[in-house]
Amino acid sequence: MRTNVNLSTEIPQELHDSLQRYLDEHPTWNQDRVLAAALSLFLLQNSQNKVEQSAKTYRSCAQVYLETLFQ
């Protein structure tokens, strides 16, 4: 079962404007989907994979990333 967690954060106005333009041009995406894809990609690109827990985390991030892209 997948659990969702709500986040609240402030982002620069320029980033928000860019995100809004992207969403206007891609109606099948929403803010939550974009942020989940971006965060999971960031974690994939910056993971260490030095211990078993890191490998599990990497797989989980990869799964979220791929599911988000092909939703």
Protein backbone atom coordinates (compact mmCIF):
# COMPACT_ATOMS: atom_id res chain seq x y z
CA MET A 1 0.00 0.00 0.00
CA ARG A 2 1.33 3.43 -0.94
CA THR A 3 1.24 6.19 1.65
CA ASN A 4 1.24 9.85 0.63
CA VAL A 5 2.72 12.63 2.75
CA ASN A 6 1.78 16.28 2.33
CA LEU A 7 4.60 18.81 2.06
CA SER A 8 4.46 22.54 2.40
CA THR A 9 7.39 24.61 1.16
CA GLU A 10 8.26 27.98 -0.23
CA ILE A 11 9.89 28.19 -3.65
CA PRO A 12 11.25 31.19 -5.57
CA GLN A 13 8.66 33.02 -7.66
CA GLU A 14 10.64 32.33 -10.85
CA LEU A 15 10.49 28.58 -10.20
CA HIS A 16 6.76 28.77 -9.50
CA ASP A 17 6.19 30.70 -12.73
CA SER A 18 8.18 28.13 -14.69
CA LEU A 19 6.24 25.28 -13.08
CA GLN A 20 2.95 26.98 -13.89
CA ARG A 21 3.95 27.44 -17.54
CA TYR A 22 4.89 23.76 -17.73
CA LEU A 23 1.57 22.70 -16.22
CA ASP A 24 -0.33 24.97 -18.61
CA GLU A 25 1.40 23.27 -21.54
CA HIS A 26 1.04 19.71 -20.18
CA PRO A 27 -2.53 19.23 -18.91
CA THR A 28 -1.96 15.56 -17.97
CA TRP A 29 0.55 16.64 -15.30
CA ASN A 30 -0.19 18.35 -11.99
CA GLN A 31 1.97 19.99 -9.35
CA ASP A 32 2.11 16.87 -7.18
CA ARG A 33 3.20 14.68 -10.09
CA VAL A 34 5.94 17.10 -11.16
CA LEU A 35 7.31 17.45 -7.63
CA ALA A 36 7.26 13.68 -7.02
CA ALA A 37 9.13 13.09 -10.29
CA ALA A 38 11.65 15.85 -9.57
CA LEU A 39 12.32 14.77 -5.99
CA SER A 40 12.66 11.08 -6.82
CA LEU A 41 15.01 11.88 -9.74
CA PHE A 42 17.13 14.07 -7.47
CA LEU A 43 17.37 11.28 -4.89
CA LEU A 44 18.26 8.73 -7.59
CA GLN A 45 21.01 10.93 -8.97
CA ASN A 46 22.47 11.65 -5.54
CA SER A 47 22.18 8.29 -3.79
CA GLN A 48 25.26 6.62 -2.31
CA ASN A 49 24.18 2.94 -2.43
CA LYS A 50 26.81 2.05 0.20
CA VAL A 51 24.63 -0.14 2.44
CA GLU A 52 21.56 -2.37 2.09
CA GLN A 53 19.20 0.36 3.29
CA SER A 54 20.50 2.69 0.59
CA ALA A 55 19.82 0.03 -2.06
CA LYS A 56 16.25 -0.34 -0.80
CA THR A 57 15.81 3.44 -0.80
CA TYR A 58 17.23 3.63 -4.33
CA ARG A 59 14.78 1.01 -5.58
CA SER A 60 11.89 2.81 -3.89
CA CYS A 61 12.88 6.13 -5.45
CA ALA A 62 13.26 4.49 -8.85
CA GLN A 63 9.81 2.95 -8.54
CA VAL A 64 8.20 6.29 -7.61
CA TYR A 65 10.04 8.04 -10.43
CA LEU A 66 8.99 5.54 -13.09
CA GLU A 67 5.40 5.30 -11.87
CA THR A 68 5.16 9.08 -11.86
CA LEU A 69 6.49 9.38 -15.40
CA PHE A 70 4.20 6.73 -16.85
CA GLN A 71 1.10 7.48 -14.80
